[in-house]
Amino acid sequence: MIHETAQIHPTAVVDEPCEIGAETRVWHFSHVRTATRIGHHCSFGMGSYVGSGVEIGNGCRIQNHVSIYESVSLEDEVFCGPSCVFTNVINPRAAIDRKEEFLPTRIRRGATIGANATIICGITVGRWALIGAGAIVRRDIPDFALVVGVPTKRIGWVGIRGETLPNLVVGQTHTCPVEGHQYFLESVNCLRLLTPEPAPRHVYP
């Protein structure tokens, strides 16, 4: 079902049945396949593609020329930068059908994927993590991690608003002066949010 307030550009192709939520916009030359579930208040830029059975949460922003293939799922408020890449198999060959080998990829709430970054299948990108432009992600990314490079390396931590947090030592607590949230470094690879997570920006009844 496509909600009556969704905006589908005349050049876009939407294969039904699928679900597209309220106020979601699908722009020029995009393609949404069958059995896809897209939440409300999402935006899909020019030339984007969403494969069959993909699940996308509320408030996501998909920039131009992003393809989201089968077995990929995005939670709420995920940002996918222009031309970032998802894969669904590790070792594709044109002459071999590997649809039974697709590995699930999960991008958790609030994560940001920079332009031209590549997300190798089978990994999870943690809540509110930020992946730099052009990075190649081969391993799971912790919540709030700031990662860059080929392959990715964690170079710091970011808060919910994307503000870079200061260098912390294990056991240290920090309150971000910009957003007011409090963070606790539990281990070298685990930053926890001590204050309540913000409510979704977009709420639809």
N, C-alpha and C. Protein backbone atom coordinates (compact mmCIF):
# COMPACT_ATOMS: atom_id res chain seq x y z
N MET A 1 0.84 -1.18 0.00
CA MET A 1 0.00 0.00 0.00
C MET A 1 0.89 1.25 0.00
N ILE A 2 0.58 2.17 -0.87
CA ILE A 2 1.28 3.45 -0.93
C ILE A 2 0.39 4.51 -0.28
N HIS A 3 0.90 5.15 0.77
CA HIS A 3 0.07 6.12 1.48
C HIS A 3 -0.29 7.29 0.57
N GLU A 4 -1.47 7.82 0.76
CA GLU A 4 -1.97 8.88 -0.12
C GLU A 4 -1.13 10.16 -0.07
N THR A 5 -0.36 10.34 1.00
CA THR A 5 0.48 11.54 1.09
C THR A 5 1.90 11.31 0.59
N ALA A 6 2.23 10.09 0.21
CA ALA A 6 3.55 9.83 -0.38
C ALA A 6 3.65 10.52 -1.73
N GLN A 7 4.86 10.96 -2.08
CA GLN A 7 5.08 11.65 -3.34
C GLN A 7 6.00 10.81 -4.22
N ILE A 8 5.46 10.32 -5.32
CA ILE A 8 6.21 9.48 -6.26
C ILE A 8 6.38 10.27 -7.55
N HIS A 9 7.62 10.56 -7.92
CA HIS A 9 7.85 11.33 -9.14
C HIS A 9 7.39 10.53 -10.35
N PRO A 10 6.86 11.20 -11.38
CA PRO A 10 6.37 10.47 -12.56
C PRO A 10 7.41 9.60 -13.25
N THR A 11 8.69 9.93 -13.11
CA THR A 11 9.73 9.11 -13.74
C THR A 11 10.15 7.91 -12.89
N ALA A 12 9.70 7.87 -11.63
CA ALA A 12 10.06 6.75 -10.74
C ALA A 12 9.18 5.54 -11.05
N VAL A 13 9.70 4.35 -10.76
CA VAL A 13 8.97 3.10 -10.95
C VAL A 13 8.79 2.43 -9.60
N VAL A 14 7.54 2.15 -9.24
CA VAL A 14 7.24 1.46 -7.99
C VAL A 14 6.47 0.20 -8.32
N ASP A 15 7.08 -0.95 -8.03
CA ASP A 15 6.45 -2.24 -8.31
C ASP A 15 5.60 -2.65 -7.12
N GLU A 16 4.32 -2.79 -7.32
CA GLU A 16 3.44 -3.21 -6.24
C GLU A 16 3.22 -4.72 -6.30
N PRO A 17 2.93 -5.35 -5.15
CA PRO A 17 2.65 -4.73 -3.85
C PRO A 17 3.92 -4.35 -3.08
N CYS A 18 3.86 -3.20 -2.43
CA CYS A 18 4.89 -2.76 -1.51
C CYS A 18 4.25 -1.76 -0.56
N GLU A 19 4.99 -1.36 0.47
CA GLU A 19 4.48 -0.40 1.44
C GLU A 19 5.37 0.86 1.43
N ILE A 20 4.74 2.01 1.25
CA ILE A 20 5.44 3.28 1.32
C ILE A 20 4.64 4.19 2.24
N GLY A 21 5.28 4.69 3.29
CA GLY A 21 4.59 5.42 4.34
C GLY A 21 4.28 6.87 4.01
N ALA A 22 3.62 7.51 4.96
CA ALA A 22 3.16 8.89 4.80
C ALA A 22 4.33 9.86 4.61
N GLU A 23 4.15 10.81 3.71
CA GLU A 23 5.10 11.90 3.47
C GLU A 23 6.44 11.43 2.92
N THR A 24 6.54 10.18 2.53
CA THR A 24 7.79 9.70 1.92
C THR A 24 7.84 10.16 0.47
N ARG A 25 9.04 10.56 0.02
CA ARG A 25 9.22 11.08 -1.32
C ARG A 25 10.21 10.20 -2.09
N VAL A 26 9.81 9.82 -3.30
CA VAL A 26 10.65 9.02 -4.19
C VAL A 26 10.87 9.85 -5.45
N TRP A 27 12.12 10.27 -5.65
CA TRP A 27 12.39 11.24 -6.70
C TRP A 27 12.78 10.60 -8.03
N HIS A 28 13.28 11.44 -8.95
CA HIS A 28 13.47 11.12 -10.36
C HIS A 28 14.21 9.79 -10.59
N PHE A 29 13.67 8.99 -11.49
CA PHE A 29 14.33 7.80 -12.04
C PHE A 29 14.69 6.76 -10.98
N SER A 30 13.98 6.76 -9.87
CA SER A 30 14.22 5.76 -8.83
C SER A 30 13.35 4.52 -9.09
N HIS A 31 13.71 3.42 -8.44
CA HIS A 31 12.98 2.16 -8.64
C HIS A 31 12.82 1.46 -7.29
N VAL A 32 11.59 1.19 -6.91
CA VAL A 32 11.27 0.45 -5.70
C VAL A 32 10.65 -0.88 -6.11
N ARG A 33 11.23 -1.99 -5.66
CA ARG A 33 10.76 -3.33 -6.05
C ARG A 33 9.64 -3.82 -5.13
N THR A 34 9.07 -4.95 -5.51
CA THR A 34 7.95 -5.52 -4.76
C THR A 34 8.38 -5.99 -3.37
N ALA A 35 7.39 -6.09 -2.49
CA ALA A 35 7.55 -6.62 -1.13
C ALA A 35 8.46 -5.75 -0.27
N THR A 36 8.75 -4.54 -0.71
CA THR A 36 9.56 -3.61 0.07
C THR A 36 8.67 -2.89 1.08
N ARG A 37 9.22 -2.62 2.26
CA ARG A 37 8.50 -1.87 3.29
C ARG A 37 9.30 -0.62 3.64
N ILE A 38 8.73 0.53 3.33
CA ILE A 38 9.38 1.81 3.58
C ILE A 38 8.52 2.61 4.54
N GLY A 39 9.13 3.18 5.57
CA GLY A 39 8.39 3.92 6.58
C GLY A 39 7.97 5.30 6.10
N HIS A 40 7.54 6.14 7.05
CA HIS A 40 7.08 7.47 6.70
C HIS A 40 8.21 8.50 6.81
N HIS A 41 8.01 9.63 6.13
CA HIS A 41 8.95 10.76 6.14
C HIS A 41 10.35 10.36 5.67
N CYS A 42 10.43 9.46 4.70
CA CYS A 42 11.71 9.12 4.09
C CYS A 42 11.88 9.90 2.79
N SER A 43 13.11 9.98 2.31
CA SER A 43 13.39 10.65 1.06
C SER A 43 14.39 9.82 0.27
N PHE A 44 14.07 9.58 -1.02
CA PHE A 44 14.94 8.80 -1.90
C PHE A 44 15.36 9.68 -3.07
N GLY A 45 16.64 9.97 -3.17
CA GLY A 45 17.14 10.87 -4.18
C GLY A 45 17.13 10.27 -5.57
N MET A 46 17.52 11.08 -6.53
CA MET A 46 17.49 10.69 -7.94
C MET A 46 18.30 9.41 -8.19
N GLY A 47 17.70 8.49 -8.95
CA GLY A 47 18.40 7.29 -9.37
C GLY A 47 18.62 6.26 -8.28
N SER A 48 17.87 6.33 -7.19
CA SER A 48 18.03 5.34 -6.12
C SER A 48 17.27 4.06 -6.47
N TYR A 49 17.69 2.97 -5.84
CA TYR A 49 17.08 1.66 -6.10
C TYR A 49 16.89 0.94 -4.78
N VAL A 50 15.71 0.34 -4.60
CA VAL A 50 15.41 -0.43 -3.38
C VAL A 50 14.96 -1.82 -3.81
N GLY A 51 15.71 -2.85 -3.41
CA GLY A 51 15.45 -4.22 -3.85
C GLY A 51 14.26 -4.86 -3.16
N SER A 52 13.86 -6.01 -3.67
CA SER A 52 12.71 -6.74 -3.14
C SER A 52 12.93 -7.14 -1.69
N GLY A 53 11.91 -6.94 -0.88
CA GLY A 53 11.95 -7.40 0.50
C GLY A 53 12.76 -6.55 1.44
N VAL A 54 13.30 -5.43 0.97
CA VAL A 54 14.08 -4.55 1.83
C VAL A 54 13.16 -3.85 2.83
N GLU A 55 13.64 -3.68 4.06
CA GLU A 55 12.87 -2.96 5.08
C GLU A 55 13.62 -1.69 5.48
N ILE A 56 12.90 -0.57 5.40
CA ILE A 56 13.48 0.74 5.70
C ILE A 56 12.58 1.44 6.71
N GLY A 57 13.17 1.96 7.78
CA GLY A 57 12.40 2.57 8.85
C GLY A 57 11.89 3.96 8.51
N ASN A 58 11.54 4.70 9.54
CA ASN A 58 10.99 6.04 9.38
C ASN A 58 12.10 7.10 9.36
N GLY A 59 11.85 8.18 8.63
CA GLY A 59 12.75 9.32 8.67
C GLY A 59 14.11 9.09 8.05
N CYS A 60 14.25 8.12 7.16
CA CYS A 60 15.54 7.86 6.52
C CYS A 60 15.73 8.79 5.31
N ARG A 61 16.99 9.14 5.06
CA ARG A 61 17.32 9.99 3.91
C ARG A 61 18.33 9.23 3.04
N ILE A 62 17.89 8.88 1.84
CA ILE A 62 18.72 8.15 0.90
C ILE A 62 19.08 9.12 -0.22
N GLN A 63 20.34 9.45 -0.36
CA GLN A 63 20.76 10.44 -1.34
C GLN A 63 20.83 9.83 -2.74
N ASN A 64 21.28 10.63 -3.72
CA ASN A 64 21.27 10.21 -5.12
C ASN A 64 22.12 8.97 -5.37
N HIS A 65 21.60 8.12 -6.25
CA HIS A 65 22.35 6.98 -6.81
C HIS A 65 22.81 5.98 -5.74
N VAL A 66 21.92 5.68 -4.83
CA VAL A 66 22.19 4.65 -3.81
C VAL A 66 21.31 3.44 -4.11
N SER A 67 21.93 2.26 -4.15
CA SER A 67 21.19 1.01 -4.34
C SER A 67 21.19 0.21 -3.05
N ILE A 68 19.99 -0.15 -2.59
CA ILE A 68 19.84 -0.92 -1.36
C ILE A 68 19.30 -2.28 -1.75
N TYR A 69 20.14 -3.28 -1.67
CA TYR A 69 19.80 -4.60 -2.21
C TYR A 69 19.09 -5.48 -1.18
N GLU A 70 18.58 -6.60 -1.71
CA GLU A 70 17.95 -7.59 -0.84
C GLU A 70 18.88 -7.96 0.31
N SER A 71 18.29 -8.21 1.47
CA SER A 71 18.97 -8.60 2.72
C SER A 71 19.51 -7.41 3.50
N VAL A 72 19.36 -6.20 2.97
CA VAL A 72 19.78 -5.00 3.72
C VAL A 72 18.56 -4.41 4.42
N SER A 73 18.73 -4.00 5.68
CA SER A 73 17.65 -3.32 6.40
C SER A 73 18.19 -2.06 7.07
N LEU A 74 17.40 -1.01 7.02
CA LEU A 74 17.74 0.26 7.65
C LEU A 74 16.74 0.54 8.75
N GLU A 75 17.22 0.84 9.95
CA GLU A 75 16.32 1.26 11.02
C GLU A 75 15.96 2.74 10.83
N ASP A 76 15.31 3.33 11.82
CA ASP A 76 14.85 4.71 11.69
C ASP A 76 16.01 5.71 11.58
N GLU A 77 15.77 6.76 10.81
CA GLU A 77 16.63 7.94 10.75
C GLU A 77 18.06 7.64 10.30
N VAL A 78 18.19 6.73 9.36
CA VAL A 78 19.50 6.43 8.77
C VAL A 78 19.74 7.38 7.60
N PHE A 79 20.98 7.86 7.47
CA PHE A 79 21.37 8.72 6.35
C PHE A 79 22.36 7.96 5.48
N CYS A 80 22.03 7.84 4.18
CA CYS A 80 22.92 7.20 3.22
C CYS A 80 23.40 8.25 2.23
N GLY A 81 24.69 8.57 2.26
CA GLY A 81 25.25 9.60 1.41
C GLY A 81 25.26 9.20 -0.06
N PRO A 82 25.47 10.17 -0.95
CA PRO A 82 25.42 9.90 -2.39
C PRO A 82 26.36 8.77 -2.81
N SER A 83 25.80 7.87 -3.61
CA SER A 83 26.56 6.78 -4.25
C SER A 83 27.22 5.83 -3.26
N CYS A 84 26.76 5.80 -2.01
CA CYS A 84 27.29 4.75 -1.12
C CYS A 84 26.78 3.40 -1.62
N VAL A 85 27.53 2.34 -1.27
CA VAL A 85 27.32 1.03 -1.89
C VAL A 85 27.05 -0.03 -0.82
N PHE A 86 26.02 -0.84 -1.07
CA PHE A 86 25.77 -2.04 -0.26
C PHE A 86 26.03 -3.27 -1.14
N THR A 87 26.51 -4.34 -0.52
CA THR A 87 26.65 -5.60 -1.24
C THR A 87 25.76 -6.64 -0.57
N ASN A 88 25.56 -7.78 -1.24
CA ASN A 88 24.77 -8.85 -0.60
C ASN A 88 25.45 -10.21 -0.61
N VAL A 89 26.55 -10.35 -1.35
CA VAL A 89 27.36 -11.56 -1.29
C VAL A 89 28.83 -11.17 -1.17
N ILE A 90 29.63 -12.09 -0.63
CA ILE A 90 31.05 -11.82 -0.42
C ILE A 90 31.85 -11.96 -1.71
N ASN A 91 31.54 -13.01 -2.48
CA ASN A 91 32.37 -13.34 -3.64
C ASN A 91 31.53 -13.52 -4.90
N PRO A 92 30.93 -12.46 -5.43
CA PRO A 92 30.05 -12.60 -6.58
C PRO A 92 30.78 -13.04 -7.85
N ARG A 93 30.09 -13.87 -8.62
CA ARG A 93 30.54 -14.27 -9.95
C ARG A 93 29.36 -14.18 -10.90
N ALA A 94 29.58 -13.63 -12.08
CA ALA A 94 28.49 -13.48 -13.03
C ALA A 94 27.89 -14.83 -13.43
N ALA A 95 28.72 -15.87 -13.49
CA ALA A 95 28.26 -17.17 -13.98
C ALA A 95 27.68 -18.06 -12.87
N ILE A 96 27.69 -17.58 -11.61
CA ILE A 96 27.22 -18.41 -10.49
C ILE A 96 26.10 -17.69 -9.77
N ASP A 97 24.96 -18.37 -9.62
CA ASP A 97 23.82 -17.80 -8.89
C ASP A 97 24.03 -18.02 -7.40
N ARG A 98 24.17 -16.93 -6.65
CA ARG A 98 24.43 -17.04 -5.21
C ARG A 98 23.33 -16.39 -4.39
N LYS A 99 22.10 -16.38 -4.90
CA LYS A 99 21.00 -15.76 -4.17
C LYS A 99 20.75 -16.42 -2.83
N GLU A 100 21.08 -17.71 -2.73
CA GLU A 100 20.89 -18.42 -1.46
C GLU A 100 21.98 -18.08 -0.45
N GLU A 101 22.98 -17.32 -0.87
CA GLU A 101 24.10 -16.99 0.00
C GLU A 101 24.09 -15.53 0.46
N PHE A 102 23.01 -14.81 0.17
CA PHE A 102 22.92 -13.42 0.61
C PHE A 102 23.08 -13.34 2.12
N LEU A 103 23.87 -12.38 2.58
CA LEU A 103 24.10 -12.19 4.01
C LEU A 103 23.37 -10.93 4.48
N PRO A 104 22.68 -11.01 5.62
CA PRO A 104 21.93 -9.83 6.10
C PRO A 104 22.85 -8.72 6.58
N THR A 105 22.50 -7.50 6.23
CA THR A 105 23.22 -6.31 6.66
C THR A 105 22.24 -5.40 7.37
N ARG A 106 22.61 -4.92 8.55
CA ARG A 106 21.70 -4.10 9.34
C ARG A 106 22.35 -2.77 9.68
N ILE A 107 21.65 -1.69 9.33
CA ILE A 107 22.12 -0.36 9.67
C ILE A 107 21.18 0.17 10.75
N ARG A 108 21.70 0.39 11.94
CA ARG A 108 20.84 0.70 13.08
C ARG A 108 20.52 2.19 13.18
N ARG A 109 19.61 2.52 14.08
CA ARG A 109 19.01 3.84 14.14
C ARG A 109 20.05 4.98 14.16
N GLY A 110 19.79 5.98 13.35
CA GLY A 110 20.56 7.21 13.38
C GLY A 110 21.93 7.16 12.74
N ALA A 111 22.34 6.01 12.20
CA ALA A 111 23.68 5.91 11.61
C ALA A 111 23.78 6.76 10.34
N THR A 112 24.99 7.24 10.07
CA THR A 112 25.29 8.02 8.87
C THR A 112 26.35 7.29 8.06
N ILE A 113 26.08 7.13 6.77
CA ILE A 113 27.03 6.51 5.85
C ILE A 113 27.45 7.57 4.84
N GLY A 114 28.73 7.88 4.80
CA GLY A 114 29.22 8.94 3.94
C GLY A 114 29.20 8.59 2.46
N ALA A 115 29.36 9.61 1.63
CA ALA A 115 29.34 9.44 0.18
C ALA A 115 30.41 8.44 -0.27
N ASN A 116 29.99 7.57 -1.19
CA ASN A 116 30.89 6.59 -1.83
C ASN A 116 31.47 5.55 -0.87
N ALA A 117 30.95 5.47 0.34
CA ALA A 117 31.39 4.40 1.24
C ALA A 117 30.82 3.06 0.77
N THR A 118 31.50 1.98 1.10
CA THR A 118 31.05 0.63 0.73
C THR A 118 30.82 -0.19 1.99
N ILE A 119 29.63 -0.79 2.09
CA ILE A 119 29.27 -1.62 3.24
C ILE A 119 29.26 -3.07 2.79
N ILE A 120 30.24 -3.84 3.22
CA ILE A 120 30.29 -5.26 2.86
C ILE A 120 29.18 -6.01 3.61
N CYS A 121 28.55 -6.96 2.92
CA CYS A 121 27.39 -7.65 3.49
C CYS A 121 27.74 -8.43 4.74
N GLY A 122 26.71 -8.66 5.57
CA GLY A 122 26.86 -9.48 6.76
C GLY A 122 27.28 -8.73 8.01
N ILE A 123 27.34 -7.41 7.93
CA ILE A 123 27.79 -6.64 9.10
C ILE A 123 26.64 -5.82 9.66
N THR A 124 26.86 -5.30 10.87
CA THR A 124 25.91 -4.38 11.50
C THR A 124 26.62 -3.07 11.80
N VAL A 125 26.02 -1.98 11.37
CA VAL A 125 26.52 -0.64 11.71
C VAL A 125 25.70 -0.17 12.91
N GLY A 126 26.36 0.18 14.00
CA GLY A 126 25.70 0.49 15.25
C GLY A 126 24.93 1.80 15.25
N ARG A 127 24.13 1.99 16.29
CA ARG A 127 23.31 3.19 16.45
C ARG A 127 24.16 4.45 16.48
N TRP A 128 23.74 5.42 15.68
CA TRP A 128 24.33 6.76 15.66
C TRP A 128 25.81 6.76 15.24
N ALA A 129 26.28 5.66 14.67
CA ALA A 129 27.66 5.63 14.16
C ALA A 129 27.79 6.54 12.94
N LEU A 130 29.02 6.96 12.64
CA LEU A 130 29.26 7.82 11.49
C LEU A 130 30.42 7.24 10.69
N ILE A 131 30.13 6.91 9.42
CA ILE A 131 31.12 6.31 8.53
C ILE A 131 31.57 7.36 7.53
N GLY A 132 32.86 7.63 7.48
CA GLY A 132 33.39 8.67 6.61
C GLY A 132 33.25 8.35 5.14
N ALA A 133 33.28 9.40 4.32
CA ALA A 133 33.18 9.25 2.87
C ALA A 133 34.29 8.36 2.33
N GLY A 134 33.93 7.47 1.41
CA GLY A 134 34.91 6.62 0.76
C GLY A 134 35.41 5.44 1.57
N ALA A 135 34.89 5.26 2.79
CA ALA A 135 35.35 4.16 3.64
C ALA A 135 34.85 2.81 3.11
N ILE A 136 35.55 1.76 3.48
CA ILE A 136 35.10 0.40 3.19
C ILE A 136 34.92 -0.32 4.52
N VAL A 137 33.67 -0.72 4.80
CA VAL A 137 33.31 -1.32 6.09
C VAL A 137 33.27 -2.83 5.93
N ARG A 138 34.17 -3.52 6.63
CA ARG A 138 34.25 -4.98 6.55
C ARG A 138 33.88 -5.68 7.84
N ARG A 139 33.76 -4.92 8.94
CA ARG A 139 33.45 -5.50 10.24
C ARG A 139 32.35 -4.68 10.91
N ASP A 140 31.73 -5.27 11.92
CA ASP A 140 30.69 -4.57 12.66
C ASP A 140 31.24 -3.26 13.23
N ILE A 141 30.39 -2.23 13.24
CA ILE A 141 30.77 -0.92 13.75
C ILE A 141 30.02 -0.67 15.05
N PRO A 142 30.70 -0.32 16.14
CA PRO A 142 30.01 -0.09 17.42
C PRO A 142 29.10 1.13 17.38
N ASP A 143 28.17 1.19 18.31
CA ASP A 143 27.35 2.38 18.48
C ASP A 143 28.24 3.60 18.69
N PHE A 144 27.88 4.72 18.08
CA PHE A 144 28.53 6.03 18.25
C PHE A 144 29.95 6.10 17.70
N ALA A 145 30.40 5.07 17.01
CA ALA A 145 31.78 5.08 16.51
C ALA A 145 31.93 6.01 15.31
N LEU A 146 33.06 6.69 15.23
CA LEU A 146 33.46 7.49 14.07
C LEU A 146 34.56 6.72 13.36
N VAL A 147 34.27 6.25 12.14
CA VAL A 147 35.24 5.40 11.43
C VAL A 147 35.52 5.98 10.05
N VAL A 148 36.76 5.80 9.60
CA VAL A 148 37.18 6.26 8.28
C VAL A 148 38.17 5.25 7.72
N GLY A 149 38.45 5.35 6.41
CA GLY A 149 39.56 4.62 5.84
C GLY A 149 39.19 3.35 5.10
N VAL A 150 40.26 2.72 4.52
CA VAL A 150 40.13 1.50 3.74
C VAL A 150 41.17 0.50 4.24
N PRO A 151 40.76 -0.54 5.01
CA PRO A 151 39.43 -0.70 5.60
C PRO A 151 39.24 0.29 6.75
N THR A 152 38.05 0.33 7.30
CA THR A 152 37.74 1.33 8.31
C THR A 152 38.55 1.14 9.59
N LYS A 153 38.83 2.28 10.19
CA LYS A 153 39.48 2.32 11.51
C LYS A 153 38.72 3.33 12.35
N ARG A 154 38.46 2.97 13.59
CA ARG A 154 37.77 3.92 14.47
C ARG A 154 38.76 4.98 14.91
N ILE A 155 38.38 6.26 14.68
CA ILE A 155 39.27 7.36 15.07
C ILE A 155 38.67 8.21 16.17
N GLY A 156 37.49 7.83 16.64
CA GLY A 156 36.87 8.60 17.71
C GLY A 156 35.43 8.18 17.92
N TRP A 157 34.71 9.02 18.64
CA TRP A 157 33.30 8.78 18.95
C TRP A 157 32.50 10.03 18.58
N VAL A 158 31.23 9.81 18.21
CA VAL A 158 30.34 10.94 17.91
C VAL A 158 29.06 10.82 18.73
N GLY A 159 28.46 11.97 19.01
CA GLY A 159 27.20 11.98 19.73
C GLY A 159 26.01 11.85 18.80
N ILE A 160 24.84 11.91 19.37
CA ILE A 160 23.61 11.72 18.60
C ILE A 160 23.44 12.78 17.53
N ARG A 161 23.87 14.00 17.80
CA ARG A 161 23.76 15.08 16.81
C ARG A 161 24.93 15.11 15.83
N GLY A 162 25.84 14.14 15.94
CA GLY A 162 26.98 14.09 15.04
C GLY A 162 28.17 14.88 15.51
N GLU A 163 28.10 15.42 16.73
CA GLU A 163 29.23 16.16 17.28
C GLU A 163 30.34 15.21 17.70
N THR A 164 31.58 15.53 17.36
CA THR A 164 32.71 14.69 17.77
C THR A 164 32.93 14.85 19.27
N LEU A 165 33.03 13.72 19.96
CA LEU A 165 33.26 13.75 21.40
C LEU A 165 34.76 13.77 21.69
N PRO A 166 35.17 14.29 22.83
CA PRO A 166 36.60 14.34 23.15
C PRO A 166 37.15 12.94 23.39
N ASN A 167 38.46 12.83 23.36
CA ASN A 167 39.10 11.55 23.67
C ASN A 167 38.78 11.16 25.11
N LEU A 168 38.21 9.98 25.28
CA LEU A 168 37.81 9.52 26.60
C LEU A 168 38.66 8.33 27.01
N VAL A 169 38.81 8.14 28.33
CA VAL A 169 39.46 6.95 28.86
C VAL A 169 38.38 6.05 29.43
N VAL A 170 38.67 4.75 29.48
CA VAL A 170 37.69 3.79 29.97
C VAL A 170 37.25 4.17 31.38
N GLY A 171 35.95 4.18 31.60
CA GLY A 171 35.39 4.55 32.89
C GLY A 171 35.03 6.02 33.02
N GLN A 172 35.32 6.79 31.97
CA GLN A 172 35.05 8.23 32.01
C GLN A 172 33.66 8.53 31.47
N THR A 173 33.02 9.53 32.07
CA THR A 173 31.71 10.01 31.62
C THR A 173 31.87 11.40 31.02
N HIS A 174 31.11 11.67 29.95
CA HIS A 174 31.19 12.98 29.30
C HIS A 174 29.79 13.46 28.96
N THR A 175 29.51 14.72 29.25
CA THR A 175 28.26 15.35 28.85
C THR A 175 28.54 16.29 27.69
N CYS A 176 27.91 16.04 26.57
CA CYS A 176 28.13 16.87 25.39
C CYS A 176 27.50 18.24 25.61
N PRO A 177 28.28 19.32 25.50
CA PRO A 177 27.73 20.66 25.76
C PRO A 177 26.75 21.12 24.68
N VAL A 178 26.79 20.50 23.51
CA VAL A 178 25.92 20.91 22.40
C VAL A 178 24.53 20.29 22.53
N GLU A 179 24.49 19.00 22.84
CA GLU A 179 23.21 18.28 22.84
C GLU A 179 22.70 17.92 24.22
N GLY A 180 23.60 17.93 25.23
CA GLY A 180 23.17 17.65 26.60
C GLY A 180 23.13 16.18 26.97
N HIS A 181 23.42 15.29 26.02
CA HIS A 181 23.41 13.86 26.33
C HIS A 181 24.70 13.47 27.07
N GLN A 182 24.58 12.44 27.90
CA GLN A 182 25.71 11.97 28.70
C GLN A 182 26.15 10.60 28.20
N TYR A 183 27.46 10.45 28.03
CA TYR A 183 28.04 9.22 27.48
C TYR A 183 29.05 8.64 28.47
N PHE A 184 29.14 7.30 28.46
CA PHE A 184 30.07 6.61 29.35
C PHE A 184 30.88 5.61 28.54
N LEU A 185 32.22 5.71 28.61
CA LEU A 185 33.08 4.77 27.88
C LEU A 185 33.28 3.53 28.74
N GLU A 186 32.56 2.49 28.39
CA GLU A 186 32.58 1.24 29.16
C GLU A 186 33.82 0.42 28.87
N SER A 187 34.27 0.40 27.62
CA SER A 187 35.50 -0.28 27.22
C SER A 187 36.05 0.45 26.00
N VAL A 188 37.19 0.01 25.50
CA VAL A 188 37.79 0.72 24.37
C VAL A 188 36.91 0.67 23.13
N ASN A 189 35.99 -0.29 23.07
CA ASN A 189 35.11 -0.41 21.90
C ASN A 189 33.64 -0.30 22.25
N CYS A 190 33.32 0.30 23.39
CA CYS A 190 31.92 0.38 23.80
C CYS A 190 31.63 1.70 24.50
N LEU A 191 30.89 2.57 23.81
CA LEU A 191 30.43 3.82 24.39
C LEU A 191 28.93 3.70 24.63
N ARG A 192 28.49 3.98 25.85
CA ARG A 192 27.08 3.85 26.19
C ARG A 192 26.46 5.22 26.41
N LEU A 193 25.20 5.32 26.04
CA LEU A 193 24.41 6.52 26.29
C LEU A 193 23.73 6.37 27.65
N LEU A 194 23.95 7.33 28.55
CA LEU A 194 23.37 7.25 29.89
C LEU A 194 22.03 7.98 29.98
N THR A 195 21.83 8.96 29.14
CA THR A 195 20.56 9.70 29.13
C THR A 195 19.60 9.05 28.13
N PRO A 196 18.31 9.31 28.25
CA PRO A 196 17.34 8.67 27.34
C PRO A 196 17.60 9.06 25.87
N GLU A 197 17.42 8.09 25.01
CA GLU A 197 17.55 8.34 23.58
C GLU A 197 16.42 9.27 23.13
N PRO A 198 16.69 10.21 22.22
CA PRO A 198 15.65 11.15 21.81
C PRO A 198 14.49 10.46 21.11
N ALA A 199 13.31 11.03 21.24
CA ALA A 199 12.15 10.51 20.51
C ALA A 199 12.36 10.73 19.01
N PRO A 200 11.70 9.93 18.19
CA PRO A 200 11.83 10.14 16.74
C PRO A 200 11.42 11.56 16.34
N ARG A 201 12.11 12.08 15.37
CA ARG A 201 11.80 13.44 14.91
C ARG A 201 10.44 13.49 14.22
N HIS A 202 10.16 12.46 13.44
CA HIS A 202 8.89 12.43 12.70
C HIS A 202 7.98 11.36 13.29
N VAL A 203 6.81 11.76 13.70
CA VAL A 203 5.83 10.83 14.26
C VAL A 203 4.58 10.89 13.42
N TYR A 204 4.12 9.74 13.00
CA TYR A 204 2.87 9.68 12.25
C TYR A 204 1.94 8.70 12.93
N PRO A 205 0.68 9.06 13.15
CA PRO A 205 -0.23 8.18 13.91
C PRO A 205 -0.51 6.88 13.19
